[in-house]
All heavy atoms as atom14 arrays in JSON, in Angstrom:
{
  "sequence": "FSASVEPLKIEHSPVTLAVRGQNILFRTRVTPGAHPI",
  "atom14_mask": [
    [1, 1, 1, 1, 1, 1, 1, 1, 1, 1, 1, 0, 0, 0],
    [1, 1, 1, 1, 1, 1, 0, 0, 0, 0, 0, 0, 0, 0],
    [1, 1, 1, 1, 1, 0, 0, 0, 0, 0, 0, 0, 0, 0],
    [1, 1, 1, 1, 1, 1, 0, 0, 0, 0, 0, 0, 0, 0],
    [1, 1, 1, 1, 1, 1, 1, 0, 0, 0, 0, 0, 0, 0],
    [1, 1, 1, 1, 1, 1, 1, 1, 1, 0, 0, 0, 0, 0],
    [1, 1, 1, 1, 1, 1, 1, 0, 0, 0, 0, 0, 0, 0],
    [1, 1, 1, 1, 1, 1, 1, 1, 0, 0, 0, 0, 0, 0],
    [1, 1, 1, 1, 1, 1, 1, 1, 1, 0, 0, 0, 0, 0],
    [1, 1, 1, 1, 1, 1, 1, 1, 0, 0, 0, 0, 0, 0],
    [1, 1, 1, 1, 1, 1, 1, 1, 1, 0, 0, 0, 0, 0],
    [1, 1, 1, 1, 1, 1, 1, 1, 1, 1, 0, 0, 0, 0],
    [1, 1, 1, 1, 1, 1, 0, 0, 0, 0, 0, 0, 0, 0],
    [1, 1, 1, 1, 1, 1, 1, 0, 0, 0, 0, 0, 0, 0],
    [1, 1, 1, 1, 1, 1, 1, 0, 0, 0, 0, 0, 0, 0],
    [1, 1, 1, 1, 1, 1, 1, 0, 0, 0, 0, 0, 0, 0],
    [1, 1, 1, 1, 1, 1, 1, 1, 0, 0, 0, 0, 0, 0],
    [1, 1, 1, 1, 1, 0, 0, 0, 0, 0, 0, 0, 0, 0],
    [1, 1, 1, 1, 1, 1, 1, 0, 0, 0, 0, 0, 0, 0],
    [1, 1, 1, 1, 1, 1, 1, 1, 1, 1, 1, 0, 0, 0],
    [1, 1, 1, 1, 0, 0, 0, 0, 0, 0, 0, 0, 0, 0],
    [1, 1, 1, 1, 1, 1, 1, 1, 1, 0, 0, 0, 0, 0],
    [1, 1, 1, 1, 1, 1, 1, 1, 0, 0, 0, 0, 0, 0],
    [1, 1, 1, 1, 1, 1, 1, 1, 0, 0, 0, 0, 0, 0],
    [1, 1, 1, 1, 1, 1, 1, 1, 0, 0, 0, 0, 0, 0],
    [1, 1, 1, 1, 1, 1, 1, 1, 1, 1, 1, 0, 0, 0],
    [1, 1, 1, 1, 1, 1, 1, 1, 1, 1, 1, 0, 0, 0],
    [1, 1, 1, 1, 1, 1, 1, 0, 0, 0, 0, 0, 0, 0],
    [1, 1, 1, 1, 1, 1, 1, 1, 1, 1, 1, 0, 0, 0],
    [1, 1, 1, 1, 1, 1, 1, 0, 0, 0, 0, 0, 0, 0],
    [1, 1, 1, 1, 1, 1, 1, 0, 0, 0, 0, 0, 0, 0],
    [1, 1, 1, 1, 1, 1, 1, 0, 0, 0, 0, 0, 0, 0],
    [1, 1, 1, 1, 0, 0, 0, 0, 0, 0, 0, 0, 0, 0],
    [1, 1, 1, 1, 1, 0, 0, 0, 0, 0, 0, 0, 0, 0],
    [1, 1, 1, 1, 1, 1, 1, 1, 1, 1, 0, 0, 0, 0],
    [1, 1, 1, 1, 1, 1, 1, 0, 0, 0, 0, 0, 0, 0],
    [1, 1, 1, 1, 1, 1, 1, 1, 0, 0, 0, 0, 0, 0]
  ],
  "atom14_positions": [
    [[69.17, 89.47, 103.7], [70.2, 88.77, 102.98], [71.53, 89.57, 103.04], [71.57, 90.8, 102.95], [69.82, 88.69, 101.37], [68.54, 87.92, 101.25], [67.28, 88.56, 101.11], [68.62, 86.52, 101.09], [66.2, 87.81, 100.99], [67.46, 85.83, 100.86], [66.2, 86.44, 100.83], [0.0, 0.0, 0.0], [0.0, 0.0, 0.0], [0.0, 0.0, 0.0]],
    [[72.58, 88.92, 103.49], [73.88, 89.56, 103.58], [74.8, 89.16, 102.45], [74.97, 87.92, 102.15], [74.57, 89.21, 104.88], [74.7, 87.84, 105.06], [0.0, 0.0, 0.0], [0.0, 0.0, 0.0], [0.0, 0.0, 0.0], [0.0, 0.0, 0.0], [0.0, 0.0, 0.0], [0.0, 0.0, 0.0], [0.0, 0.0, 0.0], [0.0, 0.0, 0.0]],
    [[75.45, 90.17, 101.8], [76.33, 89.72, 100.7], [77.62, 89.26, 101.26], [78.15, 89.75, 102.35], [76.56, 91.1, 99.91], [0.0, 0.0, 0.0], [0.0, 0.0, 0.0], [0.0, 0.0, 0.0], [0.0, 0.0, 0.0], [0.0, 0.0, 0.0], [0.0, 0.0, 0.0], [0.0, 0.0, 0.0], [0.0, 0.0, 0.0], [0.0, 0.0, 0.0]],
    [[78.19, 88.29, 100.61], [79.48, 87.72, 101.09], [80.63, 88.81, 100.84], [80.52, 89.58, 99.89], [79.86, 86.44, 100.32], [79.91, 86.76, 98.96], [0.0, 0.0, 0.0], [0.0, 0.0, 0.0], [0.0, 0.0, 0.0], [0.0, 0.0, 0.0], [0.0, 0.0, 0.0], [0.0, 0.0, 0.0], [0.0, 0.0, 0.0], [0.0, 0.0, 0.0]],
    [[81.43, 88.87, 101.72], [82.6, 89.88, 101.63], [83.9, 89.11, 101.57], [84.15, 88.04, 102.08], [82.64, 90.82, 102.84], [81.39, 91.63, 102.75], [82.68, 90.08, 104.14], [0.0, 0.0, 0.0], [0.0, 0.0, 0.0], [0.0, 0.0, 0.0], [0.0, 0.0, 0.0], [0.0, 0.0, 0.0], [0.0, 0.0, 0.0], [0.0, 0.0, 0.0]],
    [[84.91, 89.7, 101.01], [86.25, 89.11, 100.83], [86.94, 89.28, 102.25], [86.76, 90.34, 102.88], [87.05, 89.8, 99.79], [86.58, 89.63, 98.41], [86.81, 88.13, 97.98], [87.82, 87.53, 98.41], [86.09, 87.65, 97.17], [0.0, 0.0, 0.0], [0.0, 0.0, 0.0], [0.0, 0.0, 0.0], [0.0, 0.0, 0.0], [0.0, 0.0, 0.0]],
    [[87.67, 88.23, 102.71], [88.4, 88.36, 103.92], [89.68, 89.14, 103.75], [90.03, 89.51, 102.65], [88.69, 86.83, 104.26], [88.77, 86.27, 102.91], [87.83, 86.95, 102.07], [0.0, 0.0, 0.0], [0.0, 0.0, 0.0], [0.0, 0.0, 0.0], [0.0, 0.0, 0.0], [0.0, 0.0, 0.0], [0.0, 0.0, 0.0], [0.0, 0.0, 0.0]],
    [[90.29, 89.41, 104.86], [91.68, 90.0, 104.82], [92.54, 89.16, 103.97], [92.58, 87.94, 103.99], [92.28, 90.16, 106.22], [91.84, 91.2, 107.12], [92.34, 91.0, 108.58], [92.33, 92.61, 106.64], [0.0, 0.0, 0.0], [0.0, 0.0, 0.0], [0.0, 0.0, 0.0], [0.0, 0.0, 0.0], [0.0, 0.0, 0.0], [0.0, 0.0, 0.0]],
    [[93.38, 89.84, 103.16], [94.3, 89.17, 102.25], [95.76, 89.62, 102.51], [96.05, 90.88, 102.48], [93.96, 89.38, 100.77], [94.8, 88.64, 99.78], [94.44, 88.92, 98.33], [95.29, 88.22, 97.36], [94.98, 88.58, 96.05], [0.0, 0.0, 0.0], [0.0, 0.0, 0.0], [0.0, 0.0, 0.0], [0.0, 0.0, 0.0], [0.0, 0.0, 0.0]],
    [[96.69, 88.7, 102.7], [98.06, 89.05, 102.98], [98.94, 88.57, 101.85], [98.8, 87.38, 101.41], [98.53, 88.37, 104.26], [97.74, 88.81, 105.53], [100.07, 88.73, 104.48], [98.22, 88.2, 106.79], [0.0, 0.0, 0.0], [0.0, 0.0, 0.0], [0.0, 0.0, 0.0], [0.0, 0.0, 0.0], [0.0, 0.0, 0.0], [0.0, 0.0, 0.0]],
    [[99.71, 89.44, 101.24], [100.7, 89.1, 100.17], [102.0, 89.35, 100.77], [102.41, 90.34, 101.22], [100.42, 90.01, 98.97], [99.05, 89.97, 98.33], [98.91, 91.01, 97.19], [99.65, 90.96, 96.23], [97.96, 91.82, 97.44], [0.0, 0.0, 0.0], [0.0, 0.0, 0.0], [0.0, 0.0, 0.0], [0.0, 0.0, 0.0], [0.0, 0.0, 0.0]],
    [[102.9, 88.19, 100.78], [104.18, 88.27, 101.37], [105.08, 87.37, 100.66], [104.82, 86.22, 100.44], [104.06, 87.84, 102.81], [105.4, 87.83, 103.53], [106.19, 88.88, 103.74], [106.07, 86.72, 104.14], [107.32, 88.51, 104.37], [107.25, 87.17, 104.51], [0.0, 0.0, 0.0], [0.0, 0.0, 0.0], [0.0, 0.0, 0.0], [0.0, 0.0, 0.0]],
    [[106.26, 87.91, 100.29], [107.3, 87.15, 99.78], [108.26, 86.68, 100.88], [108.93, 87.6, 101.53], [108.14, 87.95, 98.69], [107.33, 88.17, 97.58], [0.0, 0.0, 0.0], [0.0, 0.0, 0.0], [0.0, 0.0, 0.0], [0.0, 0.0, 0.0], [0.0, 0.0, 0.0], [0.0, 0.0, 0.0], [0.0, 0.0, 0.0], [0.0, 0.0, 0.0]],
    [[108.36, 85.42, 101.21], [109.09, 84.91, 102.4], [110.59, 85.4, 102.37], [111.3, 85.39, 101.34], [109.03, 83.51, 102.35], [107.78, 83.15, 101.49], [107.73, 84.28, 100.52], [0.0, 0.0, 0.0], [0.0, 0.0, 0.0], [0.0, 0.0, 0.0], [0.0, 0.0, 0.0], [0.0, 0.0, 0.0], [0.0, 0.0, 0.0], [0.0, 0.0, 0.0]],
    [[111.0, 85.86, 103.53], [112.46, 86.11, 103.76], [113.12, 84.89, 104.14], [112.76, 84.33, 105.24], [112.71, 87.25, 104.77], [114.19, 87.53, 105.01], [111.85, 88.44, 104.39], [0.0, 0.0, 0.0], [0.0, 0.0, 0.0], [0.0, 0.0, 0.0], [0.0, 0.0, 0.0], [0.0, 0.0, 0.0], [0.0, 0.0, 0.0], [0.0, 0.0, 0.0]],
    [[114.01, 84.3, 103.41], [114.57, 83.0, 103.64], [116.01, 83.04, 104.05], [116.57, 82.03, 104.5], [114.5, 82.02, 102.39], [115.05, 82.68, 101.28], [112.99, 81.79, 102.05], [0.0, 0.0, 0.0], [0.0, 0.0, 0.0], [0.0, 0.0, 0.0], [0.0, 0.0, 0.0], [0.0, 0.0, 0.0], [0.0, 0.0, 0.0], [0.0, 0.0, 0.0]],
    [[116.63, 84.18, 103.88], [118.11, 84.23, 104.17], [118.46, 85.63, 104.81], [117.93, 86.71, 104.35], [118.94, 83.98, 102.96], [120.39, 83.71, 103.05], [120.64, 82.34, 103.85], [121.03, 83.68, 101.66], [0.0, 0.0, 0.0], [0.0, 0.0, 0.0], [0.0, 0.0, 0.0], [0.0, 0.0, 0.0], [0.0, 0.0, 0.0], [0.0, 0.0, 0.0]],
    [[119.32, 85.69, 105.85], [119.7, 86.9, 106.46], [121.19, 86.79, 106.87], [121.79, 85.79, 106.97], [118.97, 87.23, 107.71], [0.0, 0.0, 0.0], [0.0, 0.0, 0.0], [0.0, 0.0, 0.0], [0.0, 0.0, 0.0], [0.0, 0.0, 0.0], [0.0, 0.0, 0.0], [0.0, 0.0, 0.0], [0.0, 0.0, 0.0], [0.0, 0.0, 0.0]],
    [[121.85, 87.91, 106.86], [123.27, 87.91, 107.31], [123.47, 88.31, 108.71], [122.79, 89.31, 109.15], [124.05, 88.99, 106.34], [125.48, 89.06, 106.79], [123.94, 88.61, 104.91], [0.0, 0.0, 0.0], [0.0, 0.0, 0.0], [0.0, 0.0, 0.0], [0.0, 0.0, 0.0], [0.0, 0.0, 0.0], [0.0, 0.0, 0.0], [0.0, 0.0, 0.0]],
    [[124.21, 87.52, 109.41], [124.26, 87.71, 110.82], [124.97, 89.05, 111.12], [125.86, 89.54, 110.43], [125.2, 86.69, 111.43], [125.33, 86.74, 112.96], [126.05, 85.51, 113.55], [125.14, 84.39, 113.58], [125.28, 83.39, 112.72], [126.2, 83.39, 111.78], [124.4, 82.28, 112.79], [0.0, 0.0, 0.0], [0.0, 0.0, 0.0], [0.0, 0.0, 0.0]],
    [[124.35, 89.84, 112.12], [124.88, 91.13, 112.38], [124.16, 92.24, 111.7], [124.59, 93.44, 111.77], [0.0, 0.0, 0.0], [0.0, 0.0, 0.0], [0.0, 0.0, 0.0], [0.0, 0.0, 0.0], [0.0, 0.0, 0.0], [0.0, 0.0, 0.0], [0.0, 0.0, 0.0], [0.0, 0.0, 0.0], [0.0, 0.0, 0.0], [0.0, 0.0, 0.0]],
    [[123.21, 91.94, 110.85], [122.4, 92.97, 110.08], [120.99, 92.95, 110.42], [120.49, 91.79, 110.66], [122.64, 92.77, 108.66], [124.07, 93.02, 108.07], [124.18, 93.01, 106.57], [123.19, 93.01, 105.91], [125.46, 93.06, 106.12], [0.0, 0.0, 0.0], [0.0, 0.0, 0.0], [0.0, 0.0, 0.0], [0.0, 0.0, 0.0], [0.0, 0.0, 0.0]],
    [[120.26, 94.04, 110.47], [118.88, 94.02, 110.62], [118.25, 93.22, 109.61], [118.54, 93.18, 108.53], [118.33, 95.47, 110.51], [118.79, 96.32, 111.78], [119.27, 95.89, 112.79], [118.66, 97.61, 111.56], [0.0, 0.0, 0.0], [0.0, 0.0, 0.0], [0.0, 0.0, 0.0], [0.0, 0.0, 0.0], [0.0, 0.0, 0.0], [0.0, 0.0, 0.0]],
    [[117.12, 92.42, 109.97], [116.35, 91.67, 109.02], [115.09, 92.48, 108.68], [114.22, 92.69, 109.64], [116.05, 90.26, 109.56], [117.32, 89.55, 110.08], [115.41, 89.34, 108.53], [117.04, 88.28, 110.78], [0.0, 0.0, 0.0], [0.0, 0.0, 0.0], [0.0, 0.0, 0.0], [0.0, 0.0, 0.0], [0.0, 0.0, 0.0], [0.0, 0.0, 0.0]],
    [[114.87, 92.76, 107.52], [113.72, 93.56, 107.07], [112.62, 92.75, 106.53], [112.87, 91.75, 105.73], [114.13, 94.58, 105.99], [115.35, 95.43, 106.46], [115.64, 96.42, 105.25], [115.07, 96.29, 107.68], [0.0, 0.0, 0.0], [0.0, 0.0, 0.0], [0.0, 0.0, 0.0], [0.0, 0.0, 0.0], [0.0, 0.0, 0.0], [0.0, 0.0, 0.0]],
    [[111.38, 93.01, 106.87], [110.23, 92.3, 106.38], [109.23, 93.31, 105.8], [109.07, 94.37, 106.31], [109.54, 91.58, 107.46], [110.4, 90.46, 108.13], [111.31, 90.87, 109.22], [110.35, 89.17, 107.76], [112.09, 89.9, 109.84], [111.15, 88.2, 108.42], [112.01, 88.57, 109.45], [0.0, 0.0, 0.0], [0.0, 0.0, 0.0], [0.0, 0.0, 0.0]],
    [[108.49, 92.9, 104.8], [107.49, 93.68, 104.24], [106.31, 92.77, 103.68], [106.55, 91.6, 103.3], [108.01, 94.51, 103.11], [108.41, 93.83, 101.8], [109.03, 94.72, 100.79], [109.43, 94.03, 99.58], [108.67, 93.83, 98.53], [107.45, 94.43, 98.63], [109.06, 93.19, 97.58], [0.0, 0.0, 0.0], [0.0, 0.0, 0.0], [0.0, 0.0, 0.0]],
    [[105.13, 93.34, 103.81], [103.93, 92.57, 103.41], [102.87, 93.61, 102.93], [102.9, 94.72, 103.35], [103.4, 91.7, 104.52], [102.44, 90.84, 103.94], [102.81, 92.48, 105.69], [0.0, 0.0, 0.0], [0.0, 0.0, 0.0], [0.0, 0.0, 0.0], [0.0, 0.0, 0.0], [0.0, 0.0, 0.0], [0.0, 0.0, 0.0], [0.0, 0.0, 0.0]],
    [[102.08, 93.07, 102.05], [101.02, 93.96, 101.53], [99.7, 93.39, 102.12], [99.34, 92.18, 101.87], [100.95, 94.1, 100.1], [99.99, 95.17, 99.5], [100.17, 95.39, 97.97], [99.47, 96.5, 97.5], [99.45, 96.97, 96.31], [100.21, 96.32, 95.44], [98.8, 98.03, 95.97], [0.0, 0.0, 0.0], [0.0, 0.0, 0.0], [0.0, 0.0, 0.0]],
    [[98.82, 94.18, 102.62], [97.52, 93.62, 103.22], [96.33, 94.35, 102.54], [96.36, 95.59, 102.5], [97.54, 93.81, 104.8], [96.19, 93.34, 105.34], [98.76, 93.2, 105.45], [0.0, 0.0, 0.0], [0.0, 0.0, 0.0], [0.0, 0.0, 0.0], [0.0, 0.0, 0.0], [0.0, 0.0, 0.0], [0.0, 0.0, 0.0], [0.0, 0.0, 0.0]],
    [[95.45, 93.5, 102.06], [94.21, 94.17, 101.51], [93.11, 93.98, 102.42], [92.8, 92.77, 102.86], [93.93, 93.39, 100.12], [94.97, 93.61, 99.25], [92.6, 94.06, 99.49], [0.0, 0.0, 0.0], [0.0, 0.0, 0.0], [0.0, 0.0, 0.0], [0.0, 0.0, 0.0], [0.0, 0.0, 0.0], [0.0, 0.0, 0.0], [0.0, 0.0, 0.0]],
    [[92.4, 94.97, 102.94], [91.25, 94.79, 103.77], [90.11, 94.13, 103.21], [89.91, 94.08, 102.01], [90.99, 96.16, 104.27], [91.38, 97.03, 103.15], [92.6, 96.4, 102.5], [0.0, 0.0, 0.0], [0.0, 0.0, 0.0], [0.0, 0.0, 0.0], [0.0, 0.0, 0.0], [0.0, 0.0, 0.0], [0.0, 0.0, 0.0], [0.0, 0.0, 0.0]],
    [[89.21, 93.45, 104.06], [87.96, 92.81, 103.72], [86.82, 93.86, 103.96], [86.83, 94.99, 103.39], [0.0, 0.0, 0.0], [0.0, 0.0, 0.0], [0.0, 0.0, 0.0], [0.0, 0.0, 0.0], [0.0, 0.0, 0.0], [0.0, 0.0, 0.0], [0.0, 0.0, 0.0], [0.0, 0.0, 0.0], [0.0, 0.0, 0.0], [0.0, 0.0, 0.0]],
    [[85.93, 93.47, 104.86], [84.72, 94.34, 105.1], [85.05, 95.4, 106.03], [84.28, 96.39, 106.08], [83.72, 93.4, 105.71], [0.0, 0.0, 0.0], [0.0, 0.0, 0.0], [0.0, 0.0, 0.0], [0.0, 0.0, 0.0], [0.0, 0.0, 0.0], [0.0, 0.0, 0.0], [0.0, 0.0, 0.0], [0.0, 0.0, 0.0], [0.0, 0.0, 0.0]],
    [[86.13, 95.36, 106.78], [86.49, 96.38, 107.73], [87.89, 96.87, 107.54], [88.8, 96.13, 107.06], [86.4, 95.76, 109.23], [84.96, 95.17, 109.48], [83.88, 95.95, 109.67], [84.55, 93.88, 109.44], [82.81, 95.14, 109.8], [83.14, 93.84, 109.74], [0.0, 0.0, 0.0], [0.0, 0.0, 0.0], [0.0, 0.0, 0.0], [0.0, 0.0, 0.0]],
    [[88.19, 98.02, 108.04], [89.58, 98.62, 107.95], [90.52, 97.74, 108.78], [90.16, 97.07, 109.71], [89.45, 100.04, 108.6], [87.97, 100.33, 108.56], [87.25, 99.0, 108.58], [0.0, 0.0, 0.0], [0.0, 0.0, 0.0], [0.0, 0.0, 0.0], [0.0, 0.0, 0.0], [0.0, 0.0, 0.0], [0.0, 0.0, 0.0], [0.0, 0.0, 0.0]],
    [[91.79, 97.88, 108.35], [92.85, 97.12, 109.05], [93.24, 97.77, 110.43], [93.36, 98.97, 110.53], [94.11, 97.07, 108.26], [93.86, 96.35, 106.91], [95.33, 96.38, 108.94], [94.86, 96.53, 105.86], [0.0, 0.0, 0.0], [0.0, 0.0, 0.0], [0.0, 0.0, 0.0], [0.0, 0.0, 0.0], [0.0, 0.0, 0.0], [0.0, 0.0, 0.0]]
  ]
}
């Protein structure tokens, strides 16, 4: 019998607007499931 495990989970607030000529920064939080990321 194998226990069910949670899958990889991504939490991300979408970047919807950027200013031309500036770097666009992105960030996200990832929660691993059965295996390391």
